[in-house]
């Protein structure tokens, strides 16, 4: 029994698995955070583009005419 306990305490096979699990968890959290930030940025960019298109469609002047003074 004494030999079994010494071998059990000295065995580091489980430590490697725990380290890999910790690395995977940290990388997973990083990927999740990056996805949330990227999603928010894409949503903002699409919203800004939609607002610009909407402003151009509702701009004063005749429909279908192009004005060089406009940014549309």
PDB file of N, CA and C in Angstrom:
ATOM      1  N   UNK A   1       0.833  -1.193   0.000  1.00  0.00           N
ATOM      2  CA  UNK A   1       0.000   0.000   0.000  1.00  0.00           C
ATOM      3  C   UNK A   1       0.873   1.249   0.000  1.00  0.00           C
ATOM      4  N   UNK A   2       1.981   1.194   0.735  1.00  0.00           N
ATOM      5  CA  UNK A   2       2.888   2.330   0.811  1.00  0.00           C
ATOM      6  C   UNK A   2       3.496   2.622  -0.569  1.00  0.00           C
ATOM      7  N   UNK A   3       3.860   1.585  -1.280  1.00  0.00           N
ATOM      8  CA  UNK A   3       4.424   1.737  -2.616  1.00  0.00           C
ATOM      9  C   UNK A   3       3.383   2.305  -3.580  1.00  0.00           C
ATOM     10  N   UNK A   4       2.152   1.860  -3.465  1.00  0.00           N
ATOM     11  CA  UNK A   4       1.070   2.358  -4.321  1.00  0.00           C
ATOM     12  C   UNK A   4       0.878   3.856  -4.117  1.00  0.00           C
ATOM     13  N   UNK A   5       0.862   4.319  -2.890  1.00  0.00           N
ATOM     14  CA  UNK A   5       0.669   5.746  -2.611  1.00  0.00           C
ATOM     15  C   UNK A   5       1.841   6.570  -3.140  1.00  0.00           C
ATOM     16  N   UNK A   6       3.070   6.070  -2.978  1.00  0.00           N
ATOM     17  CA  UNK A   6       4.228   6.784  -3.502  1.00  0.00           C
ATOM     18  C   UNK A   6       4.141   6.912  -5.026  1.00  0.00           C
ATOM     19  N   UNK A   7       3.796   5.823  -5.678  1.00  0.00           N
ATOM     20  CA  UNK A   7       3.653   5.844  -7.139  1.00  0.00           C
ATOM     21  C   UNK A   7       2.508   6.749  -7.578  1.00  0.00           C
ATOM     22  N   UNK A   8       1.420   6.736  -6.831  1.00  0.00           N
ATOM     23  CA  UNK A   8       0.251   7.560  -7.166  1.00  0.00           C
ATOM     24  C   UNK A   8       0.594   9.035  -7.054  1.00  0.00           C
ATOM     25  N   UNK A   9       1.312   9.423  -6.007  1.00  0.00           N
ATOM     26  CA  UNK A   9       1.674  10.827  -5.806  1.00  0.00           C
ATOM     27  C   UNK A   9       2.696  11.277  -6.848  1.00  0.00           C
ATOM     28  N   UNK A  10       3.612  10.385  -7.218  1.00  0.00           N
ATOM     29  CA  UNK A  10       4.654  10.730  -8.188  1.00  0.00           C
ATOM     30  C   UNK A  10       4.139  10.743  -9.627  1.00  0.00           C
ATOM     31  N   UNK A  11       3.008  10.115  -9.878  1.00  0.00           N
ATOM     32  CA  UNK A  11       2.460  10.031 -11.235  1.00  0.00           C
ATOM     33  C   UNK A  11       1.983  11.408 -11.684  1.00  0.00           C
ATOM     34  N   UNK A  12       2.490  11.890 -12.817  1.00  0.00           N
ATOM     35  CA  UNK A  12       2.124  13.210 -13.322  1.00  0.00           C
ATOM     36  C   UNK A  12       1.319  13.130 -14.614  1.00  0.00           C
ATOM     37  N   UNK A  13       0.787  11.997 -14.936  1.00  0.00           N
ATOM     38  CA  UNK A  13       0.013  11.848 -16.172  1.00  0.00           C
ATOM     39  C   UNK A  13      -1.238  12.706 -16.146  1.00  0.00           C
ATOM     40  N   UNK A  14      -1.895  12.797 -15.016  1.00  0.00           N
ATOM     41  CA  UNK A  14      -3.107  13.617 -14.907  1.00  0.00           C
ATOM     42  C   UNK A  14      -2.814  15.096 -14.980  1.00  0.00           C
ATOM     43  N   UNK A  15      -1.602  15.501 -14.565  1.00  0.00           N
ATOM     44  CA  UNK A  15      -1.247  16.920 -14.606  1.00  0.00           C
ATOM     45  C   UNK A  15      -1.228  17.427 -16.040  1.00  0.00           C
ATOM     46  N   UNK A  16      -0.734  16.626 -16.956  1.00  0.00           N
ATOM     47  CA  UNK A  16      -0.701  17.051 -18.356  1.00  0.00           C
ATOM     48  C   UNK A  16      -2.108  17.253 -18.899  1.00  0.00           C
ATOM     49  N   UNK A  17      -2.992  16.348 -18.567  1.00  0.00           N
ATOM     50  CA  UNK A  17      -4.372  16.474 -19.039  1.00  0.00           C
ATOM     51  C   UNK A  17      -5.025  17.722 -18.455  1.00  0.00           C
ATOM     52  N   UNK A  18      -4.754  18.007 -17.195  1.00  0.00           N
ATOM     53  CA  UNK A  18      -5.326  19.205 -16.566  1.00  0.00           C
ATOM     54  C   UNK A  18      -4.768  20.466 -17.219  1.00  0.00           C
ATOM     55  N   UNK A  19      -3.491  20.471 -17.538  1.00  0.00           N
ATOM     56  CA  UNK A  19      -2.896  21.631 -18.192  1.00  0.00           C
ATOM     57  C   UNK A  19      -3.493  21.849 -19.581  1.00  0.00           C
ATOM     58  N   UNK A  20      -3.669  20.776 -20.329  1.00  0.00           N
ATOM     59  CA  UNK A  20      -4.289  20.904 -21.649  1.00  0.00           C
ATOM     60  C   UNK A  20      -5.727  21.406 -21.535  1.00  0.00           C
ATOM     61  N   UNK A  21      -6.449  20.927 -20.560  1.00  0.00           N
ATOM     62  CA  UNK A  21      -7.835  21.387 -20.362  1.00  0.00           C
ATOM     63  C   UNK A  21      -7.863  22.866 -20.022  1.00  0.00           C
ATOM     64  N   UNK A  22      -6.924  23.319 -19.205  1.00  0.00           N
ATOM     65  CA  UNK A  22      -6.862  24.734 -18.852  1.00  0.00           C
ATOM     66  C   UNK A  22      -6.523  25.589 -20.075  1.00  0.00           C
ATOM     67  N   UNK A  23      -5.595  25.130 -20.888  1.00  0.00           N
ATOM     68  CA  UNK A  23      -5.237  25.863 -22.107  1.00  0.00           C
ATOM     69  C   UNK A  23      -6.433  25.942 -23.046  1.00  0.00           C
ATOM     70  N   UNK A  24      -7.130  24.841 -23.210  1.00  0.00           N
ATOM     71  CA  UNK A  24      -8.306  24.820 -24.086  1.00  0.00           C
ATOM     72  C   UNK A  24      -9.382  25.768 -23.564  1.00  0.00           C
ATOM     73  N   UNK A  25      -9.564  25.810 -22.253  1.00  0.00           N
ATOM     74  CA  UNK A  25     -10.568  26.704 -21.667  1.00  0.00           C
ATOM     75  C   UNK A  25     -10.205  28.165 -21.910  1.00  0.00           C
ATOM     76  N   UNK A  26      -8.944  28.514 -21.719  1.00  0.00           N
ATOM     77  CA  UNK A  26      -8.519  29.902 -21.926  1.00  0.00           C
ATOM     78  C   UNK A  26      -8.649  30.296 -23.395  1.00  0.00           C
ATOM     79  N   UNK A  27      -8.236  29.420 -24.286  1.00  0.00           N
ATOM     80  CA  UNK A  27      -8.355  29.709 -25.720  1.00  0.00           C
ATOM     81  C   UNK A  27      -9.826  29.823 -26.114  1.00  0.00           C
ATOM     82  N   UNK A  28     -10.665  28.964 -25.560  1.00  0.00           N
ATOM     83  CA  UNK A  28     -12.100  29.028 -25.860  1.00  0.00           C
ATOM     84  C   UNK A  28     -12.721  30.338 -25.417  1.00  0.00           C
ATOM     85  N   UNK A  29     -12.344  30.805 -24.238  1.00  0.00           N
ATOM     86  CA  UNK A  29     -12.861  32.094 -23.751  1.00  0.00           C
ATOM     87  C   UNK A  29     -12.377  33.223 -24.655  1.00  0.00           C
ATOM     88  N   UNK A  30     -11.121  33.157 -25.082  1.00  0.00           N
ATOM     89  CA  UNK A  30     -10.593  34.183 -25.985  1.00  0.00           C
ATOM     90  C   UNK A  30     -11.311  34.207 -27.316  1.00  0.00           C
ATOM     91  N   UNK A  31     -11.579  33.045 -27.860  1.00  0.00           N
ATOM     92  CA  UNK A  31     -12.310  32.968 -29.134  1.00  0.00           C
ATOM     93  C   UNK A  31     -13.735  33.495 -28.961  1.00  0.00           C
ATOM     94  N   UNK A  32     -14.367  33.144 -27.865  1.00  0.00           N
ATOM     95  CA  UNK A  32     -15.721  33.637 -27.609  1.00  0.00           C
ATOM     96  C   UNK A  32     -15.765  35.150 -27.483  1.00  0.00           C
ATOM     97  N   UNK A  33     -14.799  35.727 -26.749  1.00  0.00           N
ATOM     98  CA  UNK A  33     -14.749  37.183 -26.593  1.00  0.00           C
ATOM     99  C   UNK A  33     -14.493  37.865 -27.933  1.00  0.00           C
ATOM    100  N   UNK A  34     -13.595  37.311 -28.730  1.00  0.00           N
ATOM    101  CA  UNK A  34     -13.313  37.887 -30.043  1.00  0.00           C
ATOM    102  C   UNK A  34     -14.544  37.835 -30.941  1.00  0.00           C
ATOM    103  N   UNK A  35     -15.292  36.741 -30.866  1.00  0.00           N
ATOM    104  CA  UNK A  35     -16.500  36.616 -31.685  1.00  0.00           C
ATOM    105  C   UNK A  35     -17.545  37.650 -31.277  1.00  0.00           C
ATOM    106  N   UNK A  36     -17.683  37.881 -29.985  1.00  0.00           N
ATOM    107  CA  UNK A  36     -18.644  38.894 -29.524  1.00  0.00           C
ATOM    108  C   UNK A  36     -18.246  40.296 -29.984  1.00  0.00           C
ATOM    109  N   UNK A  37     -16.968  40.614 -29.867  1.00  0.00           N
ATOM    110  CA  UNK A  37     -16.499  41.937 -30.282  1.00  0.00           C
ATOM    111  C   UNK A  37     -16.644  42.102 -31.787  1.00  0.00           C
ATOM    112  N   UNK A  38     -16.244  41.089 -32.543  1.00  0.00           N
ATOM    113  CA  UNK A  38     -16.376  41.147 -33.997  1.00  0.00           C
ATOM    114  C   UNK A  38     -17.836  41.280 -34.410  1.00  0.00           C
ATOM    115  N   UNK A  39     -18.714  40.542 -33.751  1.00  0.00           N
ATOM    116  CA  UNK A  39     -20.139  40.628 -34.059  1.00  0.00           C
ATOM    117  C   UNK A  39     -20.691  42.019 -33.822  1.00  0.00           C
ATOM    118  N   UNK A  40     -20.273  42.641 -32.718  1.00  0.00           N
ATOM    119  CA  UNK A  40     -20.734  43.996 -32.421  1.00  0.00           C
ATOM    120  C   UNK A  40     -20.219  44.992 -33.459  1.00  0.00           C
ATOM    121  N   UNK A  41     -18.976  44.833 -33.875  1.00  0.00           N
ATOM    122  CA  UNK A  41     -18.413  45.738 -34.890  1.00  0.00           C
ATOM    123  C   UNK A  41     -19.092  45.570 -36.241  1.00  0.00           C
ATOM    124  N   UNK A  42     -19.374  44.337 -36.615  1.00  0.00           N
ATOM    125  CA  UNK A  42     -20.062  44.088 -37.889  1.00  0.00           C
ATOM    126  C   UNK A  42     -21.478  44.661 -37.834  1.00  0.00           C
ATOM    127  N   UNK A  43     -22.155  44.463 -36.712  1.00  0.00           N
ATOM    128  CA  UNK A  43     -23.508  44.997 -36.573  1.00  0.00           C
ATOM    129  C   UNK A  43     -23.510  46.516 -36.683  1.00  0.00           C
ATOM    130  N   UNK A  44     -22.522  47.177 -36.065  1.00  0.00           N
ATOM    131  CA  UNK A  44     -22.433  48.638 -36.145  1.00  0.00           C
ATOM    132  C   UNK A  44     -22.150  49.101 -37.576  1.00  0.00           C
ATOM    133  N   UNK A  45     -21.239  48.399 -38.263  1.00  0.00           N
ATOM    134  CA  UNK A  45     -20.901  48.781 -39.638  1.00  0.00           C
ATOM    135  C   UNK A  45     -22.100  48.627 -40.567  1.00  0.00           C
ATOM    136  N   UNK A  46     -22.844  47.547 -40.408  1.00  0.00           N
ATOM    137  CA  UNK A  46     -24.029  47.339 -41.249  1.00  0.00           C
ATOM    138  C   UNK A  46     -25.093  48.384 -40.926  1.00  0.00           C
ATOM    139  N   UNK A  47     -25.238  48.709 -39.660  1.00  0.00           N
ATOM    140  CA  UNK A  47     -26.194  49.751 -39.267  1.00  0.00           C
ATOM    141  C   UNK A  47     -25.827  51.099 -39.853  1.00  0.00           C
ATOM    142  N   UNK A  48     -24.539  51.439 -39.806  1.00  0.00           N
ATOM    143  CA  UNK A  48     -24.089  52.707 -40.400  1.00  0.00           C
ATOM    144  C   UNK A  48     -24.325  52.728 -41.905  1.00  0.00           C
ATOM    145  N   UNK A  49     -24.061  51.627 -42.572  1.00  0.00           N
ATOM    146  CA  UNK A  49     -24.287  51.562 -44.011  1.00  0.00           C
ATOM    147  C   UNK A  49     -25.770  51.701 -44.328  1.00  0.00           C
ATOM    148  N   UNK A  50     -26.615  51.058 -43.536  1.00  0.00           N
ATOM    149  CA  UNK A  50     -28.060  51.160 -43.751  1.00  0.00           C
ATOM    150  C   UNK A  50     -28.540  52.594 -43.537  1.00  0.00           C
ATOM    151  N   UNK A  51     -28.000  53.260 -42.527  1.00  0.00           N
ATOM    152  CA  UNK A  51     -28.380  54.655 -42.282  1.00  0.00           C
ATOM    153  C   UNK A  51     -27.943  55.552 -43.442  1.00  0.00           C
ATOM    154  N   UNK A  52     -26.732  55.314 -43.969  1.00  0.00           N
ATOM    155  CA  UNK A  52     -26.271  56.113 -45.101  1.00  0.00           C
ATOM    156  C   UNK A  52     -27.151  55.914 -46.324  1.00  0.00           C
ATOM    157  N   UNK A  53     -27.528  54.687 -46.607  1.00  0.00           N
ATOM    158  CA  UNK A  53     -28.400  54.406 -47.745  1.00  0.00           C
ATOM    159  C   UNK A  53     -29.764  55.051 -47.525  1.00  0.00           C
ATOM    160  N   UNK A  54     -30.254  54.961 -46.308  1.00  0.00           N
ATOM    161  CA  UNK A  54     -31.558  55.555 -45.992  1.00  0.00           C
ATOM    162  C   UNK A  54     -31.519  57.074 -46.139  1.00  0.00           C
ATOM    163  N   UNK A  55     -30.446  57.695 -45.688  1.00  0.00           N
ATOM    164  CA  UNK A  55     -30.317  59.146 -45.814  1.00  0.00           C
ATOM    165  C   UNK A  55     -30.244  59.559 -47.283  1.00  0.00           C
ATOM    166  N   UNK A  56     -29.536  58.784 -48.087  1.00  0.00           N
ATOM    167  CA  UNK A  56     -29.448  59.107 -49.514  1.00  0.00           C
ATOM    168  C   UNK A  56     -30.800  58.953 -50.205  1.00  0.00           C
ATOM    169  N   UNK A  57     -31.553  57.936 -49.801  1.00  0.00           N
ATOM    170  CA  UNK A  57     -32.877  57.731 -50.397  1.00  0.00           C
ATOM    171  C   UNK A  57     -33.849  58.822 -50.001  1.00  0.00           C
ATOM    172  N   UNK A  58     -33.678  59.376 -48.819  1.00  0.00           N
ATOM    173  CA  UNK A  58     -34.603  60.404 -48.329  1.00  0.00           C
ATOM    174  C   UNK A  58     -34.070  61.818 -48.537  1.00  0.00           C
ATOM    175  N   UNK A  59     -32.977  61.963 -49.268  1.00  0.00           N
ATOM    176  CA  UNK A  59     -32.385  63.281 -49.499  1.00  0.00           C
ATOM    177  C   UNK A  59     -33.323  64.139 -50.336  1.00  0.00           C
ATOM    178  N   UNK A  60     -33.237  65.444 -50.129  1.00  0.00           N
ATOM    179  CA  UNK A  60     -34.097  66.352 -50.897  1.00  0.00           C
ATOM    180  C   UNK A  60     -33.642  66.387 -52.344  1.00  0.00           C
ATOM    181  N   UNK A  61     -34.542  66.622 -53.207  1.00  0.00           N
ATOM    182  CA  UNK A  61     -34.257  66.666 -54.638  1.00  0.00           C
ATOM    183  C   UNK A  61     -35.089  65.621 -55.351  1.00  0.00           C
ATOM    184  N   UNK A  62     -35.027  65.655 -56.647  1.00  0.00           N
ATOM    185  CA  UNK A  62     -35.813  64.729 -57.448  1.00  0.00           C
ATOM    186  C   UNK A  62     -35.228  63.336 -57.324  1.00  0.00           C
ATOM    187  N   UNK A  63     -36.108  62.380 -57.314  1.00  0.00           N
ATOM    188  CA  UNK A  63     -35.656  60.998 -57.185  1.00  0.00           C
ATOM    189  C   UNK A  63     -34.916  60.591 -58.452  1.00  0.00           C
ATOM    190  N   UNK A  64     -33.809  59.929 -58.274  1.00  0.00           N
ATOM    191  CA  UNK A  64     -33.066  59.435 -59.411  1.00  0.00           C
ATOM    192  C   UNK A  64     -32.048  60.425 -59.952  1.00  0.00           C
ATOM    193  N   UNK A  65     -31.986  61.629 -59.390  1.00  0.00           N
ATOM    194  CA  UNK A  65     -31.004  62.610 -59.884  1.00  0.00           C
ATOM    195  C   UNK A  65     -29.755  62.507 -59.035  1.00  0.00           C
ATOM    196  N   UNK A  66     -28.641  62.824 -59.663  1.00  0.00           N
ATOM    197  CA  UNK A  66     -27.359  62.728 -58.983  1.00  0.00           C
ATOM    198  C   UNK A  66     -26.833  64.138 -58.779  1.00  0.00           C
ATOM    199  N   UNK A  67     -26.464  64.420 -57.534  1.00  0.00           N
ATOM    200  CA  UNK A  67     -25.919  65.725 -57.223  1.00  0.00           C
ATOM    201  C   UNK A  67     -24.457  65.562 -56.850  1.00  0.00           C
ATOM    202  N   UNK A  68     -23.580  66.378 -57.443  1.00  0.00           N
ATOM    203  CA  UNK A  68     -22.154  66.263 -57.110  1.00  0.00           C
ATOM    204  C   UNK A  68     -21.860  66.847 -55.750  1.00  0.00           C
ATOM    205  N   UNK A  69     -22.762  67.650 -55.196  1.00  0.00           N
ATOM    206  CA  UNK A  69     -22.564  68.214 -53.871  1.00  0.00           C
ATOM    207  C   UNK A  69     -22.915  67.219 -52.776  1.00  0.00           C
ATOM    208  N   UNK A  70     -23.635  66.202 -53.137  1.00  0.00           N
ATOM    209  CA  UNK A  70     -24.069  65.201 -52.158  1.00  0.00           C
ATOM    210  C   UNK A  70     -23.019  64.109 -52.018  1.00  0.00           C
ATOM    211  N   UNK A  71     -23.026  63.461 -50.879  1.00  0.00           N
ATOM    212  CA  UNK A  71     -22.106  62.341 -50.669  1.00  0.00           C
ATOM    213  C   UNK A  71     -22.768  61.020 -51.054  1.00  0.00           C
ATOM    214  N   UNK A  72     -23.940  61.075 -51.599  1.00  0.00           N
ATOM    215  CA  UNK A  72     -24.671  59.864 -51.954  1.00  0.00           C
ATOM    216  C   UNK A  72     -24.239  59.308 -53.281  1.00  0.00           C
TER     217      UNK A  72
END
